[in-house]
Amino acid sequence: MIKVYIASPYTIGDVAVNVATNLRMASDLISLGYCPFAPLLSHFQHMMFPQEYEIWLNLDFEWIKVCDCLLRLEGESNGADKEVEYAKSIKLPVFYSLEELRSCLEMI
């Protein structure tokens, strides 16, 4: 299965809506046969056991390393922009829509 890291806004805007958007995309990817990584699931971990921002970002970078590509959802996000930058630095394909991801990966 193709592993897809979902990069999206978290703290800018409504956090609950942002988490739901990330998880909805994960559900859509599962339905299409992909193996998504939804980093905003850490929202629930953070609610009970808070960590510093840099710890979460470093954990995200570790997950990006083991994914096959990154899907950047719309919306302003410094963290998601850093994840895109990191993915590009390790030559991981970055997609900006589900349609783009599907059309590119269908050629593989």
N, C-alpha and C. Protein backbone atom coordinates (compact mmCIF):
# COMPACT_ATOMS: atom_id res chain seq x y z
N MET A 1 0.83 -1.18 0.00
CA MET A 1 0.00 0.00 0.00
C MET A 1 0.88 1.25 0.00
N ILE A 2 0.43 2.25 -0.68
CA ILE A 2 1.15 3.53 -0.72
C ILE A 2 0.83 4.31 0.54
N LYS A 3 1.90 4.69 1.27
CA LYS A 3 1.76 5.42 2.53
C LYS A 3 1.76 6.93 2.24
N VAL A 4 0.70 7.61 2.68
CA VAL A 4 0.52 9.04 2.40
C VAL A 4 0.48 9.82 3.72
N TYR A 5 1.41 10.74 3.87
CA TYR A 5 1.42 11.64 5.02
C TYR A 5 0.51 12.82 4.70
N ILE A 6 -0.42 13.15 5.59
CA ILE A 6 -1.36 14.24 5.36
C ILE A 6 -0.92 15.47 6.15
N ALA A 7 -0.45 16.49 5.43
CA ALA A 7 -0.02 17.74 6.06
C ALA A 7 -1.15 18.76 5.91
N SER A 8 -1.55 19.34 7.04
CA SER A 8 -2.68 20.27 6.99
C SER A 8 -2.62 21.23 8.17
N PRO A 9 -3.41 22.31 8.11
CA PRO A 9 -3.46 23.26 9.22
C PRO A 9 -3.92 22.58 10.52
N TYR A 10 -3.42 23.12 11.62
CA TYR A 10 -3.84 22.63 12.92
C TYR A 10 -4.28 23.80 13.82
N THR A 11 -3.37 24.70 14.14
CA THR A 11 -3.69 25.73 15.13
C THR A 11 -4.29 27.00 14.55
N ILE A 12 -4.13 27.23 13.26
CA ILE A 12 -4.72 28.42 12.66
C ILE A 12 -6.14 28.09 12.24
N GLY A 13 -7.10 28.81 12.80
CA GLY A 13 -8.51 28.49 12.56
C GLY A 13 -9.05 27.64 13.70
N ASP A 14 -10.13 26.94 13.43
CA ASP A 14 -10.78 26.10 14.42
C ASP A 14 -10.08 24.75 14.49
N VAL A 15 -9.45 24.47 15.62
CA VAL A 15 -8.69 23.23 15.79
C VAL A 15 -9.57 22.00 15.54
N ALA A 16 -10.78 21.99 16.05
CA ALA A 16 -11.67 20.84 15.87
C ALA A 16 -11.98 20.62 14.39
N VAL A 17 -12.23 21.68 13.67
CA VAL A 17 -12.50 21.57 12.23
C VAL A 17 -11.25 21.07 11.51
N ASN A 18 -10.09 21.58 11.90
CA ASN A 18 -8.84 21.17 11.25
C ASN A 18 -8.55 19.69 11.48
N VAL A 19 -8.77 19.22 12.70
CA VAL A 19 -8.57 17.79 13.00
C VAL A 19 -9.55 16.95 12.19
N ALA A 20 -10.80 17.37 12.15
CA ALA A 20 -11.81 16.63 11.39
C ALA A 20 -11.46 16.58 9.90
N THR A 21 -10.95 17.68 9.36
CA THR A 21 -10.56 17.71 7.94
C THR A 21 -9.43 16.72 7.67
N ASN A 22 -8.43 16.69 8.55
CA ASN A 22 -7.31 15.77 8.41
C ASN A 22 -7.80 14.32 8.46
N LEU A 23 -8.68 14.02 9.41
CA LEU A 23 -9.18 12.66 9.57
C LEU A 23 -10.13 12.26 8.44
N ARG A 24 -10.89 13.22 7.94
CA ARG A 24 -11.78 12.94 6.79
C ARG A 24 -10.94 12.55 5.57
N MET A 25 -9.84 13.27 5.35
CA MET A 25 -8.97 12.91 4.23
C MET A 25 -8.36 11.53 4.45
N ALA A 26 -7.98 11.22 5.68
CA ALA A 26 -7.46 9.88 5.97
C ALA A 26 -8.50 8.82 5.62
N SER A 27 -9.74 9.06 5.97
CA SER A 27 -10.81 8.13 5.66
C SER A 27 -10.99 7.98 4.14
N ASP A 28 -10.95 9.10 3.44
CA ASP A 28 -11.06 9.06 1.97
C ASP A 28 -9.92 8.24 1.36
N LEU A 29 -8.71 8.45 1.88
CA LEU A 29 -7.55 7.72 1.36
C LEU A 29 -7.67 6.22 1.63
N ILE A 30 -8.15 5.87 2.82
CA ILE A 30 -8.37 4.46 3.14
C ILE A 30 -9.36 3.85 2.14
N SER A 31 -10.43 4.56 1.86
CA SER A 31 -11.45 4.07 0.92
C SER A 31 -10.88 3.85 -0.47
N LEU A 32 -9.85 4.61 -0.81
CA LEU A 32 -9.23 4.50 -2.14
C LEU A 32 -8.08 3.50 -2.16
N GLY A 33 -7.80 2.86 -1.04
CA GLY A 33 -6.77 1.83 -1.00
C GLY A 33 -5.39 2.30 -0.60
N TYR A 34 -5.28 3.52 -0.09
CA TYR A 34 -4.00 4.04 0.39
C TYR A 34 -3.87 3.78 1.88
N CYS A 35 -2.65 3.95 2.39
CA CYS A 35 -2.37 3.81 3.82
C CYS A 35 -2.00 5.20 4.34
N PRO A 36 -2.97 5.95 4.87
CA PRO A 36 -2.68 7.32 5.29
C PRO A 36 -2.06 7.39 6.68
N PHE A 37 -1.25 8.43 6.88
CA PHE A 37 -0.80 8.79 8.22
C PHE A 37 -1.42 10.15 8.52
N ALA A 38 -2.28 10.20 9.53
CA ALA A 38 -2.99 11.42 9.92
C ALA A 38 -2.33 11.99 11.17
N PRO A 39 -1.38 12.90 11.01
CA PRO A 39 -0.64 13.40 12.16
C PRO A 39 -1.49 14.17 13.17
N LEU A 40 -2.65 14.65 12.75
CA LEU A 40 -3.48 15.39 13.70
C LEU A 40 -4.18 14.48 14.69
N LEU A 41 -4.02 13.16 14.55
CA LEU A 41 -4.45 12.27 15.62
C LEU A 41 -3.67 12.57 16.90
N SER A 42 -2.48 13.15 16.75
CA SER A 42 -1.68 13.51 17.93
C SER A 42 -2.38 14.59 18.77
N HIS A 43 -3.38 15.23 18.20
CA HIS A 43 -4.18 16.21 18.95
C HIS A 43 -4.71 15.59 20.25
N PHE A 44 -5.17 14.37 20.15
CA PHE A 44 -5.75 13.69 21.31
C PHE A 44 -4.66 13.29 22.31
N GLN A 45 -3.53 12.86 21.81
CA GLN A 45 -2.38 12.56 22.68
C GLN A 45 -1.94 13.83 23.40
N HIS A 46 -1.88 14.94 22.67
CA HIS A 46 -1.43 16.21 23.23
C HIS A 46 -2.41 16.73 24.30
N MET A 47 -3.69 16.46 24.12
CA MET A 47 -4.68 16.90 25.12
C MET A 47 -4.40 16.27 26.48
N MET A 48 -3.97 15.02 26.48
CA MET A 48 -3.73 14.31 27.74
C MET A 48 -2.28 14.42 28.22
N PHE A 49 -1.36 14.47 27.25
CA PHE A 49 0.06 14.48 27.59
C PHE A 49 0.78 15.49 26.70
N PRO A 50 0.64 16.77 27.01
CA PRO A 50 1.20 17.83 26.16
C PRO A 50 2.72 17.71 25.98
N GLN A 51 3.15 18.09 24.79
CA GLN A 51 4.57 18.12 24.45
C GLN A 51 4.87 19.47 23.80
N GLU A 52 6.12 19.82 23.75
CA GLU A 52 6.54 21.05 23.08
C GLU A 52 6.34 20.91 21.58
N TYR A 53 6.11 22.02 20.92
CA TYR A 53 5.89 22.06 19.47
C TYR A 53 7.00 21.34 18.71
N GLU A 54 8.24 21.61 19.07
CA GLU A 54 9.37 21.01 18.35
C GLU A 54 9.39 19.49 18.46
N ILE A 55 8.93 18.95 19.56
CA ILE A 55 8.86 17.49 19.71
C ILE A 55 7.87 16.92 18.71
N TRP A 56 6.68 17.55 18.61
CA TRP A 56 5.68 17.06 17.66
C TRP A 56 6.21 17.17 16.24
N LEU A 57 6.87 18.28 15.92
CA LEU A 57 7.39 18.47 14.56
C LEU A 57 8.46 17.42 14.24
N ASN A 58 9.34 17.14 15.19
CA ASN A 58 10.36 16.12 14.97
C ASN A 58 9.75 14.73 14.79
N LEU A 59 8.71 14.44 15.55
CA LEU A 59 8.00 13.16 15.36
C LEU A 59 7.38 13.10 13.97
N ASP A 60 6.79 14.22 13.55
CA ASP A 60 6.20 14.27 12.20
C ASP A 60 7.26 14.01 11.13
N PHE A 61 8.43 14.60 11.28
CA PHE A 61 9.51 14.39 10.31
C PHE A 61 9.89 12.91 10.24
N GLU A 62 9.89 12.24 11.38
CA GLU A 62 10.22 10.81 11.37
C GLU A 62 9.17 10.02 10.59
N TRP A 63 7.89 10.39 10.74
CA TRP A 63 6.84 9.71 9.98
C TRP A 63 6.94 10.03 8.49
N ILE A 64 7.28 11.25 8.17
CA ILE A 64 7.42 11.63 6.75
C ILE A 64 8.48 10.75 6.09
N LYS A 65 9.56 10.45 6.79
CA LYS A 65 10.65 9.62 6.24
C LYS A 65 10.16 8.26 5.77
N VAL A 66 9.16 7.70 6.43
CA VAL A 66 8.72 6.35 6.09
C VAL A 66 7.50 6.33 5.17
N CYS A 67 7.02 7.51 4.79
CA CYS A 67 5.90 7.58 3.86
C CYS A 67 6.40 7.64 2.42
N ASP A 68 5.52 7.33 1.49
CA ASP A 68 5.86 7.34 0.07
C ASP A 68 5.64 8.69 -0.58
N CYS A 69 4.77 9.50 0.05
CA CYS A 69 4.49 10.84 -0.48
C CYS A 69 3.80 11.65 0.61
N LEU A 70 3.67 12.94 0.34
CA LEU A 70 2.99 13.84 1.26
C LEU A 70 1.87 14.54 0.52
N LEU A 71 0.72 14.62 1.15
CA LEU A 71 -0.43 15.33 0.60
C LEU A 71 -0.65 16.57 1.45
N ARG A 72 -0.49 17.75 0.84
CA ARG A 72 -0.65 19.03 1.55
C ARG A 72 -2.06 19.55 1.31
N LEU A 73 -2.85 19.60 2.38
CA LEU A 73 -4.20 20.13 2.28
C LEU A 73 -4.16 21.65 2.32
N GLU A 74 -5.22 22.28 1.82
CA GLU A 74 -5.28 23.74 1.76
C GLU A 74 -5.32 24.35 3.15
N GLY A 75 -4.86 25.59 3.21
CA GLY A 75 -4.95 26.36 4.44
C GLY A 75 -3.60 26.80 4.95
N GLU A 76 -3.60 27.95 5.60
CA GLU A 76 -2.38 28.50 6.16
C GLU A 76 -1.89 27.65 7.32
N SER A 77 -0.61 27.29 7.29
CA SER A 77 -0.04 26.48 8.36
C SER A 77 1.48 26.52 8.29
N ASN A 78 2.09 27.09 9.31
CA ASN A 78 3.55 27.09 9.37
C ASN A 78 4.09 25.67 9.52
N GLY A 79 3.43 24.86 10.34
CA GLY A 79 3.87 23.48 10.55
C GLY A 79 3.77 22.65 9.29
N ALA A 80 2.63 22.72 8.60
CA ALA A 80 2.47 21.96 7.36
C ALA A 80 3.46 22.44 6.29
N ASP A 81 3.74 23.74 6.28
CA ASP A 81 4.74 24.26 5.34
C ASP A 81 6.12 23.70 5.65
N LYS A 82 6.44 23.56 6.93
CA LYS A 82 7.73 22.96 7.32
C LYS A 82 7.77 21.49 6.92
N GLU A 83 6.64 20.81 7.04
CA GLU A 83 6.58 19.40 6.64
C GLU A 83 6.80 19.26 5.14
N VAL A 84 6.21 20.15 4.35
CA VAL A 84 6.41 20.14 2.90
C VAL A 84 7.88 20.39 2.57
N GLU A 85 8.45 21.38 3.22
CA GLU A 85 9.86 21.72 3.00
C GLU A 85 10.75 20.52 3.32
N TYR A 86 10.46 19.85 4.43
CA TYR A 86 11.24 18.68 4.81
C TYR A 86 11.07 17.55 3.79
N ALA A 87 9.82 17.29 3.40
CA ALA A 87 9.58 16.23 2.41
C ALA A 87 10.35 16.50 1.13
N LYS A 88 10.32 17.73 0.67
CA LYS A 88 11.06 18.07 -0.55
C LYS A 88 12.57 17.90 -0.36
N SER A 89 13.07 18.19 0.84
CA SER A 89 14.51 18.07 1.10
C SER A 89 14.98 16.62 1.04
N ILE A 90 14.06 15.68 1.29
CA ILE A 90 14.44 14.26 1.21
C ILE A 90 13.89 13.63 -0.08
N LYS A 91 13.50 14.50 -1.02
CA LYS A 91 13.04 14.07 -2.35
C LYS A 91 11.76 13.24 -2.32
N LEU A 92 10.91 13.51 -1.36
CA LEU A 92 9.61 12.83 -1.27
C LEU A 92 8.62 13.59 -2.13
N PRO A 93 7.84 12.91 -2.95
CA PRO A 93 6.84 13.62 -3.76
C PRO A 93 5.81 14.32 -2.87
N VAL A 94 5.48 15.56 -3.26
CA VAL A 94 4.49 16.36 -2.54
C VAL A 94 3.35 16.65 -3.51
N PHE A 95 2.13 16.38 -3.06
CA PHE A 95 0.94 16.64 -3.85
C PHE A 95 0.06 17.65 -3.13
N TYR A 96 -0.70 18.43 -3.91
CA TYR A 96 -1.50 19.50 -3.35
C TYR A 96 -3.00 19.28 -3.51
N SER A 97 -3.38 18.11 -4.01
CA SER A 97 -4.79 17.74 -4.08
C SER A 97 -4.87 16.22 -4.20
N LEU A 98 -6.00 15.70 -3.81
CA LEU A 98 -6.23 14.26 -3.94
C LEU A 98 -6.19 13.85 -5.40
N GLU A 99 -6.74 14.69 -6.26
CA GLU A 99 -6.76 14.39 -7.70
C GLU A 99 -5.34 14.31 -8.25
N GLU A 100 -4.48 15.26 -7.85
CA GLU A 100 -3.09 15.25 -8.31
C GLU A 100 -2.38 14.00 -7.82
N LEU A 101 -2.57 13.66 -6.56
CA LEU A 101 -1.96 12.46 -5.99
C LEU A 101 -2.38 11.22 -6.77
N ARG A 102 -3.68 11.08 -6.98
CA ARG A 102 -4.20 9.89 -7.67
C ARG A 102 -3.69 9.80 -9.10
N SER A 103 -3.69 10.92 -9.82
CA SER A 103 -3.27 10.85 -11.23
C SER A 103 -1.79 10.56 -11.35
N CYS A 104 -0.98 11.10 -10.46
CA CYS A 104 0.47 10.82 -10.51
C CYS A 104 0.79 9.41 -10.08
N LEU A 105 0.13 8.94 -9.05
CA LEU A 105 0.44 7.60 -8.54
C LEU A 105 -0.13 6.50 -9.40
N GLU A 106 -1.15 6.79 -10.19
CA GLU A 106 -1.69 5.79 -11.11
C GLU A 106 -0.68 5.43 -12.19
N MET A 107 0.26 6.34 -12.47
CA MET A 107 1.27 6.11 -13.51
C MET A 107 2.39 5.23 -13.02
N ILE A 108 2.46 5.02 -11.70
CA ILE A 108 3.54 4.21 -11.14
C ILE A 108 3.23 2.72 -11.29
